[in-house]
């Protein structure tokens, strides 16, 4: 777990189970992703608490979503 008030792209990859840098960029560009608190020379940073809340909300949504697979035919 990340023990810092702020996270950058690398820490986002860690929090999101090692996703690619490209996927981090895609997720952070989403309108529902938290806004960065700063855009530094080394990249954007976000509040850890906001990012972890966003991740938890998305995981809950995924768990509550109905099974999208079609029913098996006998």
PDB file of N, CA and C in Angstrom:
ATOM      1  N   UNK A   1       0.835  -1.184   0.000  1.00  0.00           N
ATOM      2  CA  UNK A   1       0.000   0.000   0.000  1.00  0.00           C
ATOM      3  C   UNK A   1       0.877   1.244   0.000  1.00  0.00           C
ATOM      4  N   UNK A   2       0.408   2.280  -0.622  1.00  0.00           N
ATOM      5  CA  UNK A   2       1.138   3.540  -0.718  1.00  0.00           C
ATOM      6  C   UNK A   2       0.961   4.317   0.582  1.00  0.00           C
ATOM      7  N   UNK A   3       2.079   4.737   1.172  1.00  0.00           N
ATOM      8  CA  UNK A   3       2.031   5.472   2.436  1.00  0.00           C
ATOM      9  C   UNK A   3       2.484   6.910   2.200  1.00  0.00           C
ATOM     10  N   UNK A   4       1.726   7.631   1.373  1.00  0.00           N
ATOM     11  CA  UNK A   4       2.051   9.003   1.041  1.00  0.00           C
ATOM     12  C   UNK A   4       0.755   9.753   0.763  1.00  0.00           C
ATOM     13  N   UNK A   5       0.789  11.065   0.983  1.00  0.00           N
ATOM     14  CA  UNK A   5      -0.409  11.871   0.742  1.00  0.00           C
ATOM     15  C   UNK A   5      -0.668  12.065  -0.746  1.00  0.00           C
ATOM     16  N   UNK A   6       0.393  11.992  -1.546  1.00  0.00           N
ATOM     17  CA  UNK A   6       0.269  12.224  -2.980  1.00  0.00           C
ATOM     18  C   UNK A   6       0.865  11.065  -3.765  1.00  0.00           C
ATOM     19  N   UNK A   7       0.331  10.831  -4.965  1.00  0.00           N
ATOM     20  CA  UNK A   7       0.850   9.783  -5.847  1.00  0.00           C
ATOM     21  C   UNK A   7       1.043  10.338  -7.247  1.00  0.00           C
ATOM     22  N   UNK A   8       2.048   9.793  -7.918  1.00  0.00           N
ATOM     23  CA  UNK A   8       2.296  10.103  -9.314  1.00  0.00           C
ATOM     24  C   UNK A   8       1.921   8.901 -10.163  1.00  0.00           C
ATOM     25  N   UNK A   9       2.298   8.952 -11.432  1.00  0.00           N
ATOM     26  CA  UNK A   9       1.931   7.891 -12.366  1.00  0.00           C
ATOM     27  C   UNK A   9       2.489   6.528 -11.951  1.00  0.00           C
ATOM     28  N   UNK A  10       3.732   6.506 -11.459  1.00  0.00           N
ATOM     29  CA  UNK A  10       4.310   5.212 -11.052  1.00  0.00           C
ATOM     30  C   UNK A  10       3.507   4.597  -9.906  1.00  0.00           C
ATOM     31  N   UNK A  11       3.163   5.402  -8.911  1.00  0.00           N
ATOM     32  CA  UNK A  11       2.396   4.884  -7.781  1.00  0.00           C
ATOM     33  C   UNK A  11       0.996   4.450  -8.213  1.00  0.00           C
ATOM     34  N   UNK A  12       0.434   5.137  -9.203  1.00  0.00           N
ATOM     35  CA  UNK A  12      -0.863   4.704  -9.746  1.00  0.00           C
ATOM     36  C   UNK A  12      -0.743   3.307 -10.334  1.00  0.00           C
ATOM     37  N   UNK A  13       0.355   3.053 -11.022  1.00  0.00           N
ATOM     38  CA  UNK A  13       0.570   1.718 -11.581  1.00  0.00           C
ATOM     39  C   UNK A  13       0.616   0.673 -10.479  1.00  0.00           C
ATOM     40  N   UNK A  14       1.261   0.996  -9.367  1.00  0.00           N
ATOM     41  CA  UNK A  14       1.344   0.074  -8.237  1.00  0.00           C
ATOM     42  C   UNK A  14      -0.047  -0.156  -7.646  1.00  0.00           C
ATOM     43  N   UNK A  15      -0.783   0.935  -7.418  1.00  0.00           N
ATOM     44  CA  UNK A  15      -2.127   0.821  -6.844  1.00  0.00           C
ATOM     45  C   UNK A  15      -3.073   0.031  -7.732  1.00  0.00           C
ATOM     46  N   UNK A  16      -2.843   0.093  -9.037  1.00  0.00           N
ATOM     47  CA  UNK A  16      -3.722  -0.568  -9.996  1.00  0.00           C
ATOM     48  C   UNK A  16      -3.113  -1.861 -10.531  1.00  0.00           C
ATOM     49  N   UNK A  17      -2.375  -2.535  -9.674  1.00  0.00           N
ATOM     50  CA  UNK A  17      -1.875  -3.884  -9.961  1.00  0.00           C
ATOM     51  C   UNK A  17      -0.938  -3.960 -11.163  1.00  0.00           C
ATOM     52  N   UNK A  18      -0.081  -2.952 -11.329  1.00  0.00           N
ATOM     53  CA  UNK A  18       0.954  -3.016 -12.349  1.00  0.00           C
ATOM     54  C   UNK A  18       0.490  -2.763 -13.766  1.00  0.00           C
ATOM     55  N   UNK A  19      -0.542  -1.959 -13.941  1.00  0.00           N
ATOM     56  CA  UNK A  19      -1.006  -1.654 -15.297  1.00  0.00           C
ATOM     57  C   UNK A  19       0.063  -0.860 -16.055  1.00  0.00           C
ATOM     58  N   UNK A  20      -0.078  -0.774 -17.361  1.00  0.00           N
ATOM     59  CA  UNK A  20       0.913  -0.095 -18.192  1.00  0.00           C
ATOM     60  C   UNK A  20       0.837   1.421 -18.029  1.00  0.00           C
ATOM     61  N   UNK A  21       1.910   2.103 -18.428  1.00  0.00           N
ATOM     62  CA  UNK A  21       1.919   3.573 -18.405  1.00  0.00           C
ATOM     63  C   UNK A  21       0.831   4.131 -19.314  1.00  0.00           C
ATOM     64  N   UNK A  22       0.626   3.473 -20.461  1.00  0.00           N
ATOM     65  CA  UNK A  22      -0.408   3.923 -21.385  1.00  0.00           C
ATOM     66  C   UNK A  22      -1.787   3.821 -20.746  1.00  0.00           C
ATOM     67  N   UNK A  23      -2.034   2.750 -20.017  1.00  0.00           N
ATOM     68  CA  UNK A  23      -3.335   2.571 -19.353  1.00  0.00           C
ATOM     69  C   UNK A  23      -3.525   3.611 -18.253  1.00  0.00           C
ATOM     70  N   UNK A  24      -2.450   3.951 -17.526  1.00  0.00           N
ATOM     71  CA  UNK A  24      -2.532   5.018 -16.523  1.00  0.00           C
ATOM     72  C   UNK A  24      -2.963   6.306 -17.211  1.00  0.00           C
ATOM     73  N   UNK A  25      -2.348   6.630 -18.340  1.00  0.00           N
ATOM     74  CA  UNK A  25      -2.708   7.840 -19.079  1.00  0.00           C
ATOM     75  C   UNK A  25      -4.185   7.808 -19.480  1.00  0.00           C
ATOM     76  N   UNK A  26      -4.644   6.665 -19.968  1.00  0.00           N
ATOM     77  CA  UNK A  26      -6.044   6.546 -20.380  1.00  0.00           C
ATOM     78  C   UNK A  26      -6.988   6.764 -19.195  1.00  0.00           C
ATOM     79  N   UNK A  27      -6.678   6.148 -18.061  1.00  0.00           N
ATOM     80  CA  UNK A  27      -7.545   6.281 -16.887  1.00  0.00           C
ATOM     81  C   UNK A  27      -7.560   7.699 -16.343  1.00  0.00           C
ATOM     82  N   UNK A  28      -6.380   8.335 -16.287  1.00  0.00           N
ATOM     83  CA  UNK A  28      -6.325   9.684 -15.730  1.00  0.00           C
ATOM     84  C   UNK A  28      -6.968  10.715 -16.645  1.00  0.00           C
ATOM     85  N   UNK A  29      -7.180  10.365 -17.900  1.00  0.00           N
ATOM     86  CA  UNK A  29      -7.851  11.266 -18.835  1.00  0.00           C
ATOM     87  C   UNK A  29      -9.380  11.154 -18.745  1.00  0.00           C
ATOM     88  N   UNK A  30      -9.864  10.155 -18.028  1.00  0.00           N
ATOM     89  CA  UNK A  30     -11.314   9.975 -17.889  1.00  0.00           C
ATOM     90  C   UNK A  30     -11.915  11.142 -17.111  1.00  0.00           C
ATOM     91  N   UNK A  31     -13.124  11.550 -17.466  1.00  0.00           N
ATOM     92  CA  UNK A  31     -13.750  12.671 -16.750  1.00  0.00           C
ATOM     93  C   UNK A  31     -14.088  12.349 -15.294  1.00  0.00           C
ATOM     94  N   UNK A  32     -14.228  11.068 -14.949  1.00  0.00           N
ATOM     95  CA  UNK A  32     -14.574  10.720 -13.573  1.00  0.00           C
ATOM     96  C   UNK A  32     -13.343  10.470 -12.695  1.00  0.00           C
ATOM     97  N   UNK A  33     -12.134  10.537 -13.283  1.00  0.00           N
ATOM     98  CA  UNK A  33     -10.917  10.368 -12.483  1.00  0.00           C
ATOM     99  C   UNK A  33     -10.633  11.660 -11.734  1.00  0.00           C
ATOM    100  N   UNK A  34     -10.133  11.559 -10.494  1.00  0.00           N
ATOM    101  CA  UNK A  34      -9.841  12.779  -9.720  1.00  0.00           C
ATOM    102  C   UNK A  34      -8.907  13.736 -10.465  1.00  0.00           C
ATOM    103  N   UNK A  35      -9.103  15.006 -10.227  1.00  0.00           N
ATOM    104  CA  UNK A  35      -8.240  16.026 -10.824  1.00  0.00           C
ATOM    105  C   UNK A  35      -6.873  16.002 -10.141  1.00  0.00           C
ATOM    106  N   UNK A  36      -5.804  16.205 -10.910  1.00  0.00           N
ATOM    107  CA  UNK A  36      -4.489  16.284 -10.268  1.00  0.00           C
ATOM    108  C   UNK A  36      -4.402  17.547  -9.409  1.00  0.00           C
ATOM    109  N   UNK A  37      -3.623  17.476  -8.336  1.00  0.00           N
ATOM    110  CA  UNK A  37      -3.447  18.641  -7.472  1.00  0.00           C
ATOM    111  C   UNK A  37      -2.293  19.506  -7.947  1.00  0.00           C
ATOM    112  N   UNK A  38      -1.420  18.935  -8.787  1.00  0.00           N
ATOM    113  CA  UNK A  38      -0.299  19.697  -9.334  1.00  0.00           C
ATOM    114  C   UNK A  38       0.184  19.029 -10.611  1.00  0.00           C
ATOM    115  N   UNK A  39       0.751  19.836 -11.483  1.00  0.00           N
ATOM    116  CA  UNK A  39       1.378  19.339 -12.704  1.00  0.00           C
ATOM    117  C   UNK A  39       2.838  19.772 -12.640  1.00  0.00           C
ATOM    118  N   UNK A  40       3.680  18.883 -12.134  1.00  0.00           N
ATOM    119  CA  UNK A  40       5.080  19.176 -11.900  1.00  0.00           C
ATOM    120  C   UNK A  40       5.922  18.839 -13.126  1.00  0.00           C
ATOM    121  N   UNK A  41       7.187  19.199 -13.101  1.00  0.00           N
ATOM    122  CA  UNK A  41       8.086  18.893 -14.211  1.00  0.00           C
ATOM    123  C   UNK A  41       8.162  17.384 -14.449  1.00  0.00           C
ATOM    124  N   UNK A  42       8.059  16.592 -13.386  1.00  0.00           N
ATOM    125  CA  UNK A  42       8.127  15.138 -13.525  1.00  0.00           C
ATOM    126  C   UNK A  42       6.768  14.507 -13.792  1.00  0.00           C
ATOM    127  N   UNK A  43       5.717  15.292 -13.831  1.00  0.00           N
ATOM    128  CA  UNK A  43       4.393  14.774 -14.139  1.00  0.00           C
ATOM    129  C   UNK A  43       3.351  15.214 -13.129  1.00  0.00           C
ATOM    130  N   UNK A  44       2.139  14.769 -13.353  1.00  0.00           N
ATOM    131  CA  UNK A  44       1.016  15.139 -12.496  1.00  0.00           C
ATOM    132  C   UNK A  44       1.034  14.333 -11.210  1.00  0.00           C
ATOM    133  N   UNK A  45       0.439  14.914 -10.160  1.00  0.00           N
ATOM    134  CA  UNK A  45       0.279  14.206  -8.892  1.00  0.00           C
ATOM    135  C   UNK A  45      -1.158  14.363  -8.430  1.00  0.00           C
ATOM    136  N   UNK A  46      -1.630  13.309  -7.757  1.00  0.00           N
ATOM    137  CA  UNK A  46      -2.998  13.254  -7.259  1.00  0.00           C
ATOM    138  C   UNK A  46      -2.982  12.976  -5.766  1.00  0.00           C
ATOM    139  N   UNK A  47      -4.077  13.323  -5.084  1.00  0.00           N
ATOM    140  CA  UNK A  47      -4.212  12.956  -3.672  1.00  0.00           C
ATOM    141  C   UNK A  47      -4.481  11.456  -3.591  1.00  0.00           C
ATOM    142  N   UNK A  48      -3.709  10.781  -2.784  1.00  0.00           N
ATOM    143  CA  UNK A  48      -3.852   9.337  -2.622  1.00  0.00           C
ATOM    144  C   UNK A  48      -5.266   8.973  -2.187  1.00  0.00           C
ATOM    145  N   UNK A  49      -5.821   9.733  -1.247  1.00  0.00           N
ATOM    146  CA  UNK A  49      -7.158   9.424  -0.733  1.00  0.00           C
ATOM    147  C   UNK A  49      -8.212   9.491  -1.837  1.00  0.00           C
ATOM    148  N   UNK A  50      -8.095  10.462  -2.742  1.00  0.00           N
ATOM    149  CA  UNK A  50      -9.068  10.584  -3.836  1.00  0.00           C
ATOM    150  C   UNK A  50      -8.917   9.437  -4.830  1.00  0.00           C
ATOM    151  N   UNK A  51      -7.676   9.075  -5.114  1.00  0.00           N
ATOM    152  CA  UNK A  51      -7.430   7.992  -6.069  1.00  0.00           C
ATOM    153  C   UNK A  51      -7.898   6.651  -5.499  1.00  0.00           C
ATOM    154  N   UNK A  52      -7.584   6.384  -4.232  1.00  0.00           N
ATOM    155  CA  UNK A  52      -8.002   5.107  -3.649  1.00  0.00           C
ATOM    156  C   UNK A  52      -9.523   5.026  -3.532  1.00  0.00           C
ATOM    157  N   UNK A  53     -10.190   6.152  -3.276  1.00  0.00           N
ATOM    158  CA  UNK A  53     -11.660   6.166  -3.253  1.00  0.00           C
ATOM    159  C   UNK A  53     -12.213   5.878  -4.649  1.00  0.00           C
ATOM    160  N   UNK A  54     -11.584   6.448  -5.676  1.00  0.00           N
ATOM    161  CA  UNK A  54     -12.019   6.214  -7.057  1.00  0.00           C
ATOM    162  C   UNK A  54     -11.853   4.739  -7.417  1.00  0.00           C
ATOM    163  N   UNK A  55     -10.705   4.157  -7.034  1.00  0.00           N
ATOM    164  CA  UNK A  55     -10.456   2.744  -7.319  1.00  0.00           C
ATOM    165  C   UNK A  55     -11.493   1.871  -6.615  1.00  0.00           C
ATOM    166  N   UNK A  56     -11.749   2.153  -5.347  1.00  0.00           N
ATOM    167  CA  UNK A  56     -12.718   1.358  -4.579  1.00  0.00           C
ATOM    168  C   UNK A  56     -14.108   1.455  -5.197  1.00  0.00           C
ATOM    169  N   UNK A  57     -14.495   2.639  -5.630  1.00  0.00           N
ATOM    170  CA  UNK A  57     -15.817   2.829  -6.244  1.00  0.00           C
ATOM    171  C   UNK A  57     -15.912   2.041  -7.541  1.00  0.00           C
ATOM    172  N   UNK A  58     -14.859   2.082  -8.342  1.00  0.00           N
ATOM    173  CA  UNK A  58     -14.858   1.347  -9.614  1.00  0.00           C
ATOM    174  C   UNK A  58     -14.905  -0.165  -9.367  1.00  0.00           C
ATOM    175  N   UNK A  59     -14.187  -0.634  -8.378  1.00  0.00           N
ATOM    176  CA  UNK A  59     -14.194  -2.076  -8.097  1.00  0.00           C
ATOM    177  C   UNK A  59     -15.557  -2.520  -7.588  1.00  0.00           C
ATOM    178  N   UNK A  60     -16.213  -1.688  -6.775  1.00  0.00           N
ATOM    179  CA  UNK A  60     -17.574  -2.013  -6.316  1.00  0.00           C
ATOM    180  C   UNK A  60     -18.513  -2.074  -7.508  1.00  0.00           C
ATOM    181  N   UNK A  61     -18.395  -1.115  -8.423  1.00  0.00           N
ATOM    182  CA  UNK A  61     -19.257  -1.093  -9.606  1.00  0.00           C
ATOM    183  C   UNK A  61     -19.061  -2.345 -10.446  1.00  0.00           C
ATOM    184  N   UNK A  62     -17.796  -2.762 -10.590  1.00  0.00           N
ATOM    185  CA  UNK A  62     -17.505  -3.965 -11.373  1.00  0.00           C
ATOM    186  C   UNK A  62     -18.102  -5.205 -10.720  1.00  0.00           C
ATOM    187  N   UNK A  63     -18.047  -5.273  -9.382  1.00  0.00           N
ATOM    188  CA  UNK A  63     -18.594  -6.428  -8.670  1.00  0.00           C
ATOM    189  C   UNK A  63     -20.117  -6.461  -8.728  1.00  0.00           C
ATOM    190  N   UNK A  64     -20.751  -5.301  -8.772  1.00  0.00           N
ATOM    191  CA  UNK A  64     -22.210  -5.232  -8.780  1.00  0.00           C
ATOM    192  C   UNK A  64     -22.804  -5.356 -10.174  1.00  0.00           C
ATOM    193  N   UNK A  65     -21.974  -5.225 -11.192  1.00  0.00           N
ATOM    194  CA  UNK A  65     -22.469  -5.296 -12.569  1.00  0.00           C
ATOM    195  C   UNK A  65     -22.980  -6.701 -12.853  1.00  0.00           C
ATOM    196  N   UNK A  66     -24.098  -6.806 -13.566  1.00  0.00           N
ATOM    197  CA  UNK A  66     -24.600  -8.139 -13.913  1.00  0.00           C
ATOM    198  C   UNK A  66     -23.629  -8.843 -14.851  1.00  0.00           C
ATOM    199  N   UNK A  67     -23.649 -10.133 -14.806  1.00  0.00           N
ATOM    200  CA  UNK A  67     -22.771 -10.931 -15.644  1.00  0.00           C
ATOM    201  C   UNK A  67     -23.101 -10.667 -17.104  1.00  0.00           C
ATOM    202  N   UNK A  68     -22.121 -10.210 -17.863  1.00  0.00           N
ATOM    203  CA  UNK A  68     -22.346  -9.833 -19.258  1.00  0.00           C
ATOM    204  C   UNK A  68     -22.260 -11.018 -20.208  1.00  0.00           C
ATOM    205  N   UNK A  69     -21.849 -12.167 -19.705  1.00  0.00           N
ATOM    206  CA  UNK A  69     -21.730 -13.338 -20.586  1.00  0.00           C
ATOM    207  C   UNK A  69     -23.113 -13.908 -20.883  1.00  0.00           C
ATOM    208  N   UNK A  70     -23.313 -14.360 -22.101  1.00  0.00           N
ATOM    209  CA  UNK A  70     -24.612 -14.985 -22.414  1.00  0.00           C
ATOM    210  C   UNK A  70     -24.766 -16.299 -21.676  1.00  0.00           C
ATOM    211  N   UNK A  71     -25.982 -16.649 -21.402  1.00  0.00           N
ATOM    212  CA  UNK A  71     -26.277 -17.910 -20.723  1.00  0.00           C
ATOM    213  C   UNK A  71     -25.869 -19.071 -21.619  1.00  0.00           C
ATOM    214  N   UNK A  72     -25.346 -20.112 -20.993  1.00  0.00           N
ATOM    215  CA  UNK A  72     -24.942 -21.292 -21.769  1.00  0.00           C
ATOM    216  C   UNK A  72     -26.192 -22.049 -22.208  1.00  0.00           C
ATOM    217  N   UNK A  73     -26.108 -22.574 -23.416  1.00  0.00           N
ATOM    218  CA  UNK A  73     -27.188 -23.368 -23.957  1.00  0.00           C
ATOM    219  C   UNK A  73     -27.008 -24.817 -23.519  1.00  0.00           C
ATOM    220  N   UNK A  74     -28.070 -25.503 -23.090  1.00  0.00           N
ATOM    221  CA  UNK A  74     -27.939 -26.926 -22.699  1.00  0.00           C
ATOM    222  C   UNK A  74     -27.687 -27.830 -23.870  1.00  0.00           C
TER     223      UNK A  74
END
